[in-house]
Amino acid sequence: MPIHAPSSDASAPGRGACDHRPVSRPKGERTLYEIASSFFAAVVILFAAVGMVVTAFGEDGVGSAGFLVCSALLMLGSGRLLLGLKRGNEGGEEL
């Protein structure tokens, strides 16, 4: 028995094309996801900065792998925070 794809008859209930338009919200209103993402980005920045200070004044110094990992985390957290704040200021618009 052959399997057929569902028909694309838009007049039938439940068979219309998917509408993927973004839901509009007031300008500057942020979703819980955006707020949580910005919060966790700030936490990553804090941990990375503390790790860089501890590693820099420790035995290994600034040339260690730990310092490089912390600086990479600092850059990633800063970028995520910047994007989150930028997107939050624009409202529901895409970047």
N, C-alpha and C. Protein backbone atom coordinates (compact mmCIF):
# COMPACT_ATOMS: atom_id res chain seq x y z
N MET A 1 0.84 -1.16 0.00
CA MET A 1 0.00 0.00 0.00
C MET A 1 0.90 1.24 0.00
N PRO A 2 0.79 2.11 -0.98
CA PRO A 2 1.64 3.29 -1.06
C PRO A 2 1.24 4.34 -0.02
N ILE A 3 2.24 5.03 0.46
CA ILE A 3 2.00 6.10 1.44
C ILE A 3 2.00 7.41 0.68
N HIS A 4 0.96 8.19 0.85
CA HIS A 4 0.82 9.46 0.15
C HIS A 4 1.03 10.61 1.14
N ALA A 5 1.65 11.65 0.64
CA ALA A 5 1.82 12.86 1.44
C ALA A 5 0.47 13.54 1.56
N PRO A 6 0.23 14.24 2.67
CA PRO A 6 -1.04 14.94 2.81
C PRO A 6 -1.17 16.02 1.73
N SER A 7 -2.38 16.22 1.30
CA SER A 7 -2.61 17.21 0.24
C SER A 7 -2.39 18.61 0.79
N SER A 8 -2.09 19.52 -0.09
CA SER A 8 -1.83 20.90 0.32
C SER A 8 -3.05 21.77 0.06
N ASP A 9 -4.22 21.20 0.24
CA ASP A 9 -5.46 21.93 0.04
C ASP A 9 -5.64 22.90 1.21
N ALA A 10 -5.48 24.20 0.95
CA ALA A 10 -5.55 25.20 2.01
C ALA A 10 -6.97 25.43 2.49
N SER A 11 -7.97 24.97 1.72
CA SER A 11 -9.36 25.20 2.13
C SER A 11 -9.79 24.20 3.19
N ALA A 12 -9.11 23.07 3.29
CA ALA A 12 -9.47 22.07 4.29
C ALA A 12 -9.01 22.54 5.67
N PRO A 13 -9.82 22.30 6.70
CA PRO A 13 -9.39 22.74 8.04
C PRO A 13 -8.14 22.00 8.49
N GLY A 14 -7.19 22.76 9.01
CA GLY A 14 -5.95 22.17 9.49
C GLY A 14 -4.95 21.84 8.40
N ARG A 15 -5.25 22.18 7.16
CA ARG A 15 -4.37 21.84 6.05
C ARG A 15 -3.71 23.07 5.43
N GLY A 16 -3.87 24.23 6.02
CA GLY A 16 -3.30 25.45 5.44
C GLY A 16 -1.80 25.51 5.62
N ALA A 17 -1.19 26.42 4.92
CA ALA A 17 0.25 26.61 5.03
C ALA A 17 0.59 27.14 6.42
N CYS A 18 1.72 26.75 6.94
CA CYS A 18 2.16 27.21 8.25
C CYS A 18 2.49 28.69 8.18
N ASP A 19 2.09 29.39 9.18
CA ASP A 19 2.36 30.82 9.25
C ASP A 19 3.52 31.02 10.21
N HIS A 20 4.68 31.41 9.70
CA HIS A 20 5.89 31.53 10.52
C HIS A 20 6.25 32.98 10.80
N ARG A 21 5.28 33.86 10.77
CA ARG A 21 5.57 35.26 11.07
C ARG A 21 5.83 35.41 12.56
N PRO A 22 6.80 36.26 12.93
CA PRO A 22 7.08 36.44 14.35
C PRO A 22 5.91 37.12 15.05
N VAL A 23 5.71 36.77 16.29
CA VAL A 23 4.67 37.40 17.10
C VAL A 23 5.17 38.78 17.48
N SER A 24 4.37 39.79 17.21
CA SER A 24 4.81 41.14 17.53
C SER A 24 4.54 41.43 19.00
N ARG A 25 5.43 42.16 19.59
CA ARG A 25 5.28 42.57 20.97
C ARG A 25 5.74 44.02 21.06
N PRO A 26 5.36 44.71 22.11
CA PRO A 26 5.74 46.11 22.22
C PRO A 26 7.25 46.29 22.20
N LYS A 27 7.68 47.41 21.63
CA LYS A 27 9.12 47.68 21.50
C LYS A 27 9.75 47.76 22.89
N GLY A 28 10.86 47.06 23.06
CA GLY A 28 11.60 47.08 24.31
C GLY A 28 11.17 46.02 25.30
N GLU A 29 10.05 45.35 25.07
CA GLU A 29 9.62 44.30 25.99
C GLU A 29 10.42 43.04 25.71
N ARG A 30 11.01 42.47 26.74
CA ARG A 30 11.87 41.30 26.57
C ARG A 30 11.18 40.05 27.08
N THR A 31 11.47 38.94 26.42
CA THR A 31 10.91 37.66 26.85
C THR A 31 11.73 37.11 28.00
N LEU A 32 11.17 36.11 28.67
CA LEU A 32 11.88 35.47 29.77
C LEU A 32 13.18 34.84 29.29
N TYR A 33 13.16 34.27 28.08
CA TYR A 33 14.37 33.69 27.50
C TYR A 33 15.46 34.74 27.34
N GLU A 34 15.13 35.91 26.84
CA GLU A 34 16.13 36.96 26.64
C GLU A 34 16.69 37.46 27.97
N ILE A 35 15.83 37.58 28.96
CA ILE A 35 16.29 38.02 30.29
C ILE A 35 17.21 36.97 30.92
N ALA A 36 16.80 35.70 30.86
CA ALA A 36 17.61 34.63 31.44
C ALA A 36 18.94 34.48 30.70
N SER A 37 18.91 34.62 29.38
CA SER A 37 20.13 34.50 28.59
C SER A 37 21.12 35.61 28.95
N SER A 38 20.61 36.82 29.12
CA SER A 38 21.48 37.94 29.51
C SER A 38 22.03 37.75 30.92
N PHE A 39 21.20 37.24 31.81
CA PHE A 39 21.65 36.98 33.19
C PHE A 39 22.77 35.95 33.22
N PHE A 40 22.59 34.84 32.50
CA PHE A 40 23.61 33.80 32.51
C PHE A 40 24.88 34.24 31.78
N ALA A 41 24.74 35.11 30.78
CA ALA A 41 25.92 35.68 30.13
C ALA A 41 26.72 36.53 31.13
N ALA A 42 26.02 37.28 31.96
CA ALA A 42 26.69 38.09 32.99
C ALA A 42 27.39 37.19 34.02
N VAL A 43 26.76 36.07 34.36
CA VAL A 43 27.38 35.12 35.30
C VAL A 43 28.66 34.53 34.69
N VAL A 44 28.61 34.18 33.40
CA VAL A 44 29.80 33.65 32.72
C VAL A 44 30.91 34.69 32.71
N ILE A 45 30.56 35.94 32.45
CA ILE A 45 31.55 37.02 32.45
C ILE A 45 32.19 37.15 33.84
N LEU A 46 31.37 37.09 34.87
CA LEU A 46 31.89 37.19 36.24
C LEU A 46 32.85 36.05 36.57
N PHE A 47 32.45 34.80 36.28
CA PHE A 47 33.32 33.66 36.55
C PHE A 47 34.60 33.72 35.73
N ALA A 48 34.50 34.15 34.49
CA ALA A 48 35.69 34.24 33.63
C ALA A 48 36.65 35.30 34.15
N ALA A 49 36.12 36.43 34.57
CA ALA A 49 36.98 37.51 35.09
C ALA A 49 37.68 37.06 36.38
N VAL A 50 36.94 36.42 37.27
CA VAL A 50 37.55 35.92 38.51
C VAL A 50 38.61 34.87 38.19
N GLY A 51 38.31 33.97 37.27
CA GLY A 51 39.28 32.95 36.87
C GLY A 51 40.53 33.54 36.26
N MET A 52 40.37 34.60 35.47
CA MET A 52 41.54 35.26 34.88
C MET A 52 42.42 35.91 35.95
N VAL A 53 41.78 36.54 36.93
CA VAL A 53 42.55 37.19 38.00
C VAL A 53 43.29 36.14 38.83
N VAL A 54 42.60 35.07 39.19
CA VAL A 54 43.22 34.01 40.00
C VAL A 54 44.37 33.37 39.24
N THR A 55 44.16 33.10 37.95
CA THR A 55 45.20 32.46 37.15
C THR A 55 46.37 33.40 36.91
N ALA A 56 46.09 34.68 36.68
CA ALA A 56 47.16 35.64 36.40
C ALA A 56 48.09 35.81 37.60
N PHE A 57 47.53 35.80 38.81
CA PHE A 57 48.35 35.98 40.00
C PHE A 57 48.81 34.66 40.61
N GLY A 58 48.47 33.55 39.97
CA GLY A 58 48.90 32.24 40.46
C GLY A 58 50.27 31.88 39.90
N GLU A 59 50.65 30.61 40.05
CA GLU A 59 51.95 30.13 39.59
C GLU A 59 52.09 30.19 38.08
N ASP A 60 51.04 29.84 37.35
CA ASP A 60 51.13 29.70 35.89
C ASP A 60 51.21 31.03 35.16
N GLY A 61 50.53 32.06 35.64
CA GLY A 61 50.57 33.36 35.01
C GLY A 61 49.64 33.45 33.80
N VAL A 62 49.86 34.51 33.03
CA VAL A 62 48.95 34.80 31.91
C VAL A 62 49.20 33.91 30.70
N GLY A 63 50.25 33.15 30.67
CA GLY A 63 50.53 32.29 29.53
C GLY A 63 49.95 30.89 29.66
N SER A 64 49.18 30.66 30.71
CA SER A 64 48.66 29.30 30.94
C SER A 64 47.41 29.04 30.11
N ALA A 65 47.08 27.77 30.00
CA ALA A 65 45.88 27.37 29.26
C ALA A 65 44.62 27.83 29.98
N GLY A 66 44.65 27.83 31.31
CA GLY A 66 43.49 28.28 32.08
C GLY A 66 43.16 29.74 31.83
N PHE A 67 44.19 30.55 31.70
CA PHE A 67 43.98 31.97 31.41
C PHE A 67 43.37 32.15 30.03
N LEU A 68 43.85 31.37 29.07
CA LEU A 68 43.30 31.46 27.71
C LEU A 68 41.84 30.99 27.66
N VAL A 69 41.53 29.94 28.39
CA VAL A 69 40.14 29.46 28.43
C VAL A 69 39.24 30.50 29.08
N CYS A 70 39.72 31.10 30.16
CA CYS A 70 38.92 32.14 30.83
C CYS A 70 38.73 33.36 29.94
N SER A 71 39.75 33.73 29.19
CA SER A 71 39.60 34.88 28.30
C SER A 71 38.65 34.56 27.14
N ALA A 72 38.65 33.31 26.68
CA ALA A 72 37.70 32.92 25.63
C ALA A 72 36.27 32.96 26.19
N LEU A 73 36.08 32.47 27.41
CA LEU A 73 34.76 32.54 28.04
C LEU A 73 34.31 33.97 28.26
N LEU A 74 35.25 34.83 28.62
CA LEU A 74 34.92 36.25 28.81
C LEU A 74 34.44 36.86 27.50
N MET A 75 35.11 36.55 26.41
CA MET A 75 34.70 37.09 25.10
C MET A 75 33.34 36.53 24.68
N LEU A 76 33.12 35.23 24.88
CA LEU A 76 31.84 34.63 24.51
C LEU A 76 30.69 35.20 25.35
N GLY A 77 30.91 35.32 26.64
CA GLY A 77 29.87 35.89 27.50
C GLY A 77 29.58 37.34 27.17
N SER A 78 30.62 38.11 26.85
CA SER A 78 30.43 39.51 26.48
C SER A 78 29.65 39.64 25.17
N GLY A 79 29.98 38.79 24.22
CA GLY A 79 29.26 38.82 22.94
C GLY A 79 27.81 38.44 23.12
N ARG A 80 27.54 37.43 23.94
CA ARG A 80 26.16 37.00 24.17
C ARG A 80 25.37 38.07 24.89
N LEU A 81 25.99 38.72 25.85
CA LEU A 81 25.32 39.80 26.58
C LEU A 81 25.04 40.97 25.65
N LEU A 82 26.00 41.32 24.82
CA LEU A 82 25.80 42.42 23.87
C LEU A 82 24.65 42.12 22.91
N LEU A 83 24.62 40.90 22.37
CA LEU A 83 23.53 40.53 21.46
C LEU A 83 22.18 40.52 22.18
N GLY A 84 22.16 40.02 23.41
CA GLY A 84 20.92 39.99 24.15
C GLY A 84 20.38 41.37 24.46
N LEU A 85 21.27 42.28 24.83
CA LEU A 85 20.84 43.64 25.13
C LEU A 85 20.43 44.38 23.87
N LYS A 86 21.16 44.14 22.78
CA LYS A 86 20.83 44.79 21.51
C LYS A 86 19.46 44.32 21.02
N ARG A 87 19.21 43.03 21.10
CA ARG A 87 17.94 42.48 20.64
C ARG A 87 16.80 42.95 21.56
N GLY A 88 17.06 43.05 22.85
CA GLY A 88 16.02 43.52 23.77
C GLY A 88 15.60 44.94 23.53
N ASN A 89 16.52 45.78 23.06
CA ASN A 89 16.19 47.16 22.75
C ASN A 89 15.36 47.30 21.49
N GLU A 90 15.43 46.31 20.60
CA GLU A 90 14.72 46.41 19.34
C GLU A 90 13.34 45.81 19.42
N GLY A 91 12.99 45.14 20.51
CA GLY A 91 11.69 44.50 20.60
C GLY A 91 11.68 43.16 19.89
N GLY A 92 10.60 42.86 19.19
CA GLY A 92 10.45 41.56 18.54
C GLY A 92 11.05 41.46 17.17
N GLU A 93 11.81 42.44 16.76
CA GLU A 93 12.39 42.43 15.42
C GLU A 93 13.61 41.53 15.37
N GLU A 94 13.84 40.94 14.20
CA GLU A 94 15.03 40.11 13.99
C GLU A 94 16.22 41.00 13.73
N LEU A 95 17.41 40.50 14.08
CA LEU A 95 18.65 41.25 13.80
C LEU A 95 18.98 41.20 12.35
